[in-house]
PDB file of N, CA and C in Angstrom:
ATOM      1  N   MET A   1     -73.618  47.234  91.595  1.00  0.00           N
ATOM      2  CA  MET A   1     -74.215  48.115  92.566  1.00  0.00           C
ATOM      3  C   MET A   1     -74.799  47.338  93.746  1.00  0.00           C
ATOM      4  N   GLU A   2     -74.740  46.014  93.666  1.00  0.00           N
ATOM      5  CA  GLU A   2     -75.222  45.195  94.780  1.00  0.00           C
ATOM      6  C   GLU A   2     -74.417  45.456  96.050  1.00  0.00           C
ATOM      7  N   VAL A   3     -73.130  45.696  95.880  1.00  0.00           N
ATOM      8  CA  VAL A   3     -72.282  45.944  97.052  1.00  0.00           C
ATOM      9  C   VAL A   3     -72.723  47.227  97.751  1.00  0.00           C
ATOM     10  N   LEU A   4     -72.994  48.269  96.977  1.00  0.00           N
ATOM     11  CA  LEU A   4     -73.448  49.531  97.556  1.00  0.00           C
ATOM     12  C   LEU A   4     -74.794  49.344  98.258  1.00  0.00           C
ATOM     13  N   LYS A   5     -75.679  48.602  97.638  1.00  0.00           N
ATOM     14  CA  LYS A   5     -76.990  48.336  98.241  1.00  0.00           C
ATOM     15  C   LYS A   5     -76.820  47.637  99.590  1.00  0.00           C
ATOM     16  N   ARG A   6     -75.965  46.624  99.623  1.00  0.00           N
ATOM     17  CA  ARG A   6     -75.734  45.885 100.874  1.00  0.00           C
ATOM     18  C   ARG A   6     -75.078  46.782 101.917  1.00  0.00           C
ATOM     19  N   ALA A   7     -74.155  47.630 101.500  1.00  0.00           N
ATOM     20  CA  ALA A   7     -73.492  48.547 102.434  1.00  0.00           C
ATOM     21  C   ALA A   7     -74.501  49.483 103.076  1.00  0.00           C
ATOM     22  N   ARG A   8     -75.422  49.977 102.290  1.00  0.00           N
ATOM     23  CA  ARG A   8     -76.445  50.879 102.839  1.00  0.00           C
ATOM     24  C   ARG A   8     -77.366  50.143 103.806  1.00  0.00           C
ATOM     25  N   GLU A   9     -77.672  48.890 103.511  1.00  0.00           N
ATOM     26  CA  GLU A   9     -78.482  48.088 104.435  1.00  0.00           C
ATOM     27  C   GLU A   9     -77.769  47.952 105.777  1.00  0.00           C
ATOM     28  N   LEU A  10     -76.481  47.658 105.725  1.00  0.00           N
ATOM     29  CA  LEU A  10     -75.699  47.515 106.952  1.00  0.00           C
ATOM     30  C   LEU A  10     -75.658  48.825 107.734  1.00  0.00           C
ATOM     31  N   GLU A  11     -75.528  49.936 107.033  1.00  0.00           N
ATOM     32  CA  GLU A  11     -75.527  51.237 107.709  1.00  0.00           C
ATOM     33  C   GLU A  11     -76.863  51.495 108.396  1.00  0.00           C
ATOM     34  N   ARG A  12     -77.956  51.137 107.743  1.00  0.00           N
ATOM     35  CA  ARG A  12     -79.276  51.317 108.360  1.00  0.00           C
ATOM     36  C   ARG A  12     -79.420  50.468 109.622  1.00  0.00           C
ATOM     37  N   GLU A  13     -78.681  49.363 109.665  1.00  0.00           N
ATOM     38  CA  GLU A  13     -78.696  48.501 110.851  1.00  0.00           C
ATOM     39  C   GLU A  13     -77.781  49.036 111.944  1.00  0.00           C
ATOM     40  N   GLY A  14     -77.097  50.153 111.660  1.00  0.00           N
ATOM     41  CA  GLY A  14     -76.214  50.745 112.654  1.00  0.00           C
ATOM     42  C   GLY A  14     -74.769  50.311 112.541  1.00  0.00           C
ATOM     43  N   ARG A  15     -74.451  49.531 111.523  1.00  0.00           N
ATOM     44  CA  ARG A  15     -73.069  49.075 111.336  1.00  0.00           C
ATOM     45  C   ARG A  15     -72.241  50.181 110.699  1.00  0.00           C
ATOM     46  N   ARG A  16     -70.985  50.266 111.078  1.00  0.00           N
ATOM     47  CA  ARG A  16     -70.062  51.237 110.477  1.00  0.00           C
ATOM     48  C   ARG A  16     -69.511  50.627 109.192  1.00  0.00           C
ATOM     49  N   VAL A  17     -69.614  51.350 108.090  1.00  0.00           N
ATOM     50  CA  VAL A  17     -69.175  50.850 106.789  1.00  0.00           C
ATOM     51  C   VAL A  17     -68.176  51.827 106.182  1.00  0.00           C
ATOM     52  N   ILE A  18     -67.066  51.305 105.728  1.00  0.00           N
ATOM     53  CA  ILE A  18     -66.097  52.103 104.980  1.00  0.00           C
ATOM     54  C   ILE A  18     -66.318  51.767 103.514  1.00  0.00           C
ATOM     55  N   HIS A  19     -66.685  52.762 102.737  1.00  0.00           N
ATOM     56  CA  HIS A  19     -67.067  52.532 101.342  1.00  0.00           C
ATOM     57  C   HIS A  19     -65.858  52.494 100.414  1.00  0.00           C
ATOM     58  N   PHE A  20     -65.700  51.351  99.761  1.00  0.00           N
ATOM     59  CA  PHE A  20     -64.692  51.196  98.716  1.00  0.00           C
ATOM     60  C   PHE A  20     -65.332  50.817  97.387  1.00  0.00           C
ATOM     61  N   GLU A  21     -66.649  50.696  97.373  1.00  0.00           N
ATOM     62  CA  GLU A  21     -67.306  50.180  96.173  1.00  0.00           C
ATOM     63  C   GLU A  21     -67.512  51.213  95.078  1.00  0.00           C
ATOM     64  N   VAL A  22     -67.493  52.482  95.387  1.00  0.00           N
ATOM     65  CA  VAL A  22     -67.712  53.516  94.387  1.00  0.00           C
ATOM     66  C   VAL A  22     -66.435  54.328  94.237  1.00  0.00           C
ATOM     67  N   GLY A  23     -65.931  54.439  93.019  1.00  0.00           N
ATOM     68  CA  GLY A  23     -64.677  55.145  92.783  1.00  0.00           C
ATOM     69  C   GLY A  23     -64.871  56.456  92.053  1.00  0.00           C
ATOM     70  N   GLU A  24     -65.734  57.303  92.549  1.00  0.00           N
ATOM     71  CA  GLU A  24     -66.013  58.589  91.910  1.00  0.00           C
ATOM     72  C   GLU A  24     -65.186  59.672  92.592  1.00  0.00           C
ATOM     73  N   PRO A  25     -64.173  60.225  91.895  1.00  0.00           N
ATOM     74  CA  PRO A  25     -63.336  61.239  92.536  1.00  0.00           C
ATOM     75  C   PRO A  25     -64.105  62.531  92.798  1.00  0.00           C
ATOM     76  N   ASP A  26     -63.642  63.276  93.789  1.00  0.00           N
ATOM     77  CA  ASP A  26     -64.272  64.556  94.115  1.00  0.00           C
ATOM     78  C   ASP A  26     -63.430  65.732  93.621  1.00  0.00           C
ATOM     79  N   PHE A  27     -62.624  65.473  92.597  1.00  0.00           N
ATOM     80  CA  PHE A  27     -61.785  66.504  91.996  1.00  0.00           C
ATOM     81  C   PHE A  27     -61.668  66.218  90.500  1.00  0.00           C
ATOM     82  N   PRO A  28     -61.389  67.246  89.690  1.00  0.00           N
ATOM     83  CA  PRO A  28     -61.294  67.025  88.243  1.00  0.00           C
ATOM     84  C   PRO A  28     -60.021  66.263  87.875  1.00  0.00           C
ATOM     85  N   THR A  29     -60.101  65.535  86.786  1.00  0.00           N
ATOM     86  CA  THR A  29     -58.934  64.815  86.283  1.00  0.00           C
ATOM     87  C   THR A  29     -57.924  65.817  85.734  1.00  0.00           C
ATOM     88  N   ALA A  30     -56.656  65.621  86.083  1.00  0.00           N
ATOM     89  CA  ALA A  30     -55.596  66.517  85.612  1.00  0.00           C
ATOM     90  C   ALA A  30     -55.544  66.507  84.085  1.00  0.00           C
ATOM     91  N   SER A  31     -55.324  67.666  83.494  1.00  0.00           N
ATOM     92  CA  SER A  31     -55.338  67.785  82.032  1.00  0.00           C
ATOM     93  C   SER A  31     -54.297  66.891  81.369  1.00  0.00           C
ATOM     94  N   VAL A  32     -53.153  66.678  82.013  1.00  0.00           N
ATOM     95  CA  VAL A  32     -52.126  65.808  81.435  1.00  0.00           C
ATOM     96  C   VAL A  32     -52.649  64.373  81.309  1.00  0.00           C
ATOM     97  N   ILE A  33     -53.469  63.947  82.249  1.00  0.00           N
ATOM     98  CA  ILE A  33     -54.049  62.602  82.199  1.00  0.00           C
ATOM     99  C   ILE A  33     -55.119  62.527  81.119  1.00  0.00           C
ATOM    100  N   VAL A  34     -55.937  63.549  81.018  1.00  0.00           N
ATOM    101  CA  VAL A  34     -56.967  63.593  79.972  1.00  0.00           C
ATOM    102  C   VAL A  34     -56.310  63.518  78.599  1.00  0.00           C
ATOM    103  N   GLU A  35     -55.266  64.305  78.386  1.00  0.00           N
ATOM    104  CA  GLU A  35     -54.584  64.312  77.087  1.00  0.00           C
ATOM    105  C   GLU A  35     -53.925  62.969  76.796  1.00  0.00           C
ATOM    106  N   ALA A  36     -53.327  62.344  77.805  1.00  0.00           N
ATOM    107  CA  ALA A  36     -52.711  61.030  77.606  1.00  0.00           C
ATOM    108  C   ALA A  36     -53.770  60.000  77.232  1.00  0.00           C
ATOM    109  N   GLY A  37     -54.925  60.086  77.859  1.00  0.00           N
ATOM    110  CA  GLY A  37     -56.021  59.179  77.520  1.00  0.00           C
ATOM    111  C   GLY A  37     -56.488  59.367  76.091  1.00  0.00           C
ATOM    112  N   LYS A  38     -56.605  60.612  75.662  1.00  0.00           N
ATOM    113  CA  LYS A  38     -57.004  60.901  74.280  1.00  0.00           C
ATOM    114  C   LYS A  38     -55.993  60.335  73.289  1.00  0.00           C
ATOM    115  N   ARG A  39     -54.705  60.541  73.587  1.00  0.00           N
ATOM    116  CA  ARG A  39     -53.662  60.019  72.694  1.00  0.00           C
ATOM    117  C   ARG A  39     -53.729  58.506  72.617  1.00  0.00           C
ATOM    118  N   ALA A  40     -53.932  57.858  73.761  1.00  0.00           N
ATOM    119  CA  ALA A  40     -54.006  56.396  73.780  1.00  0.00           C
ATOM    120  C   ALA A  40     -55.171  55.905  72.928  1.00  0.00           C
ATOM    121  N   LEU A  41     -56.318  56.543  73.045  1.00  0.00           N
ATOM    122  CA  LEU A  41     -57.475  56.159  72.229  1.00  0.00           C
ATOM    123  C   LEU A  41     -57.207  56.402  70.752  1.00  0.00           C
ATOM    124  N   ASP A  42     -56.628  57.559  70.436  1.00  0.00           N
ATOM    125  CA  ASP A  42     -56.299  57.865  69.041  1.00  0.00           C
ATOM    126  C   ASP A  42     -55.308  56.859  68.464  1.00  0.00           C
ATOM    127  N   ASP A  43     -54.430  56.324  69.321  1.00  0.00           N
ATOM    128  CA  ASP A  43     -53.434  55.341  68.883  1.00  0.00           C
ATOM    129  C   ASP A  43     -53.988  53.921  68.851  1.00  0.00           C
ATOM    130  N   GLY A  44     -55.273  53.773  69.132  1.00  0.00           N
ATOM    131  CA  GLY A  44     -55.908  52.462  69.019  1.00  0.00           C
ATOM    132  C   GLY A  44     -55.844  51.592  70.257  1.00  0.00           C
ATOM    133  N   HIS A  45     -55.444  52.160  71.381  1.00  0.00           N
ATOM    134  CA  HIS A  45     -55.373  51.380  72.623  1.00  0.00           C
ATOM    135  C   HIS A  45     -56.763  51.349  73.267  1.00  0.00           C
ATOM    136  N   THR A  46     -57.603  50.447  72.783  1.00  0.00           N
ATOM    137  CA  THR A  46     -58.988  50.402  73.252  1.00  0.00           C
ATOM    138  C   THR A  46     -59.352  49.079  73.909  1.00  0.00           C
ATOM    139  N   GLY A  47     -58.419  48.147  73.992  1.00  0.00           N
ATOM    140  CA  GLY A  47     -58.710  46.844  74.591  1.00  0.00           C
ATOM    141  C   GLY A  47     -58.090  46.708  75.969  1.00  0.00           C
ATOM    142  N   TYR A  48     -58.241  45.527  76.514  1.00  0.00           N
ATOM    143  CA  TYR A  48     -57.649  45.223  77.812  1.00  0.00           C
ATOM    144  C   TYR A  48     -56.142  45.077  77.684  1.00  0.00           C
ATOM    145  N   THR A  49     -55.444  45.314  78.800  1.00  0.00           N
ATOM    146  CA  THR A  49     -54.007  45.056  78.845  1.00  0.00           C
ATOM    147  C   THR A  49     -53.798  43.571  79.113  1.00  0.00           C
ATOM    148  N   GLU A  50     -52.534  43.159  79.131  1.00  0.00           N
ATOM    149  CA  GLU A  50     -52.214  41.801  79.552  1.00  0.00           C
ATOM    150  C   GLU A  50     -52.703  41.625  80.988  1.00  0.00           C
ATOM    151  N   ALA A  51     -52.973  40.392  81.386  1.00  0.00           N
ATOM    152  CA  ALA A  51     -53.508  40.125  82.727  1.00  0.00           C
ATOM    153  C   ALA A  51     -52.606  40.682  83.827  1.00  0.00           C
ATOM    154  N   LEU A  52     -51.313  40.632  83.626  1.00  0.00           N
ATOM    155  CA  LEU A  52     -50.377  41.131  84.643  1.00  0.00           C
ATOM    156  C   LEU A  52     -50.079  42.616  84.489  1.00  0.00           C
ATOM    157  N   GLY A  53     -50.695  43.262  83.513  1.00  0.00           N
ATOM    158  CA  GLY A  53     -50.486  44.688  83.325  1.00  0.00           C
ATOM    159  C   GLY A  53     -49.530  44.996  82.189  1.00  0.00           C
ATOM    160  N   ILE A  54     -49.295  46.262  81.982  1.00  0.00           N
ATOM    161  CA  ILE A  54     -48.417  46.733  80.912  1.00  0.00           C
ATOM    162  C   ILE A  54     -46.971  46.582  81.382  1.00  0.00           C
ATOM    163  N   PRO A  55     -46.162  45.784  80.658  1.00  0.00           N
ATOM    164  CA  PRO A  55     -44.787  45.527  81.122  1.00  0.00           C
ATOM    165  C   PRO A  55     -43.982  46.799  81.383  1.00  0.00           C
ATOM    166  N   GLU A  56     -44.082  47.790  80.505  1.00  0.00           N
ATOM    167  CA  GLU A  56     -43.316  49.031  80.698  1.00  0.00           C
ATOM    168  C   GLU A  56     -43.741  49.749  81.975  1.00  0.00           C
ATOM    169  N   LEU A  57     -45.027  49.755  82.263  1.00  0.00           N
ATOM    170  CA  LEU A  57     -45.513  50.396  83.488  1.00  0.00           C
ATOM    171  C   LEU A  57     -45.059  49.611  84.712  1.00  0.00           C
ATOM    172  N   ARG A  58     -45.151  48.297  84.646  1.00  0.00           N
ATOM    173  CA  ARG A  58     -44.690  47.462  85.765  1.00  0.00           C
ATOM    174  C   ARG A  58     -43.213  47.718  86.055  1.00  0.00           C
ATOM    175  N   ASN A  59     -42.407  47.805  84.994  1.00  0.00           N
ATOM    176  CA  ASN A  59     -40.975  48.064  85.176  1.00  0.00           C
ATOM    177  C   ASN A  59     -40.729  49.446  85.763  1.00  0.00           C
ATOM    178  N   ALA A  60     -41.489  50.446  85.314  1.00  0.00           N
ATOM    179  CA  ALA A  60     -41.329  51.802  85.847  1.00  0.00           C
ATOM    180  C   ALA A  60     -41.685  51.846  87.332  1.00  0.00           C
ATOM    181  N   ILE A  61     -42.742  51.152  87.714  1.00  0.00           N
ATOM    182  CA  ILE A  61     -43.134  51.101  89.128  1.00  0.00           C
ATOM    183  C   ILE A  61     -42.065  50.393  89.947  1.00  0.00           C
ATOM    184  N   ALA A  62     -41.538  49.285  89.417  1.00  0.00           N
ATOM    185  CA  ALA A  62     -40.480  48.552  90.119  1.00  0.00           C
ATOM    186  C   ALA A  62     -39.242  49.429  90.292  1.00  0.00           C
ATOM    187  N   ASP A  63     -38.870  50.164  89.247  1.00  0.00           N
ATOM    188  CA  ASP A  63     -37.712  51.065  89.335  1.00  0.00           C
ATOM    189  C   ASP A  63     -37.936  52.151  90.380  1.00  0.00           C
ATOM    190  N   ASP A  64     -39.149  52.698  90.428  1.00  0.00           N
ATOM    191  CA  ASP A  64     -39.472  53.738  91.401  1.00  0.00           C
ATOM    192  C   ASP A  64     -39.348  53.201  92.826  1.00  0.00           C
ATOM    193  N   TYR A  65     -39.899  52.017  93.071  1.00  0.00           N
ATOM    194  CA  TYR A  65     -39.805  51.421  94.411  1.00  0.00           C
ATOM    195  C   TYR A  65     -38.354  51.137  94.773  1.00  0.00           C
ATOM    196  N   ARG A  66     -37.573  50.673  93.803  1.00  0.00           N
ATOM    197  CA  ARG A  66     -36.169  50.377  94.062  1.00  0.00           C
ATOM    198  C   ARG A  66     -35.430  51.651  94.459  1.00  0.00           C
ATOM    199  N   SER A  67     -35.670  52.743  93.725  1.00  0.00           N
ATOM    200  CA  SER A  67     -34.932  53.977  94.013  1.00  0.00           C
ATOM    201  C   SER A  67     -35.422  54.668  95.281  1.00  0.00           C
ATOM    202  N   ARG A  68     -36.722  54.600  95.559  1.00  0.00           N
ATOM    203  CA  ARG A  68     -37.257  55.306  96.732  1.00  0.00           C
ATOM    204  C   ARG A  68     -37.169  54.502  98.017  1.00  0.00           C
ATOM    205  N   PHE A  69     -37.378  53.189  97.922  1.00  0.00           N
ATOM    206  CA  PHE A  69     -37.493  52.381  99.138  1.00  0.00           C
ATOM    207  C   PHE A  69     -36.446  51.276  99.252  1.00  0.00           C
ATOM    208  N   GLY A  70     -35.614  51.112  98.217  1.00  0.00           N
ATOM    209  CA  GLY A  70     -34.617  50.053  98.242  1.00  0.00           C
ATOM    210  C   GLY A  70     -35.227  48.666  98.164  1.00  0.00           C
ATOM    211  N   ILE A  71     -36.417  48.573  97.558  1.00  0.00           N
ATOM    212  CA  ILE A  71     -37.125  47.295  97.453  1.00  0.00           C
ATOM    213  C   ILE A  71     -37.074  46.826  96.013  1.00  0.00           C
ATOM    214  N   ASN A  72     -36.636  45.588  95.807  1.00  0.00           N
ATOM    215  CA  ASN A  72     -36.627  45.010  94.464  1.00  0.00           C
ATOM    216  C   ASN A  72     -37.924  44.263  94.219  1.00  0.00           C
ATOM    217  N   ILE A  73     -38.629  44.672  93.183  1.00  0.00           N
ATOM    218  CA  ILE A  73     -39.895  44.047  92.810  1.00  0.00           C
ATOM    219  C   ILE A  73     -39.731  43.466  91.418  1.00  0.00           C
ATOM    220  N   GLU A  74     -40.156  42.251  91.241  1.00  0.00           N
ATOM    221  CA  GLU A  74     -40.070  41.601  89.921  1.00  0.00           C
ATOM    222  C   GLU A  74     -41.434  41.520  89.303  1.00  0.00           C
TER     223      GLU A  74
END
């Protein structure tokens, strides 16, 4: 929360600040996401992923970029 504190100090000084430090959505989480999260917890997925992320998700994102933008991502 130090970043938010500093951002508010800068705003009081008249500086323009674009806030990226707080990630609180202003809309409810889609039920499909809530259910997927519940299933993941029930399946024991409670730890961190690999540092580079989940390989299957990385591959799905790469495939999406390839099909939509013609960009190959490894």
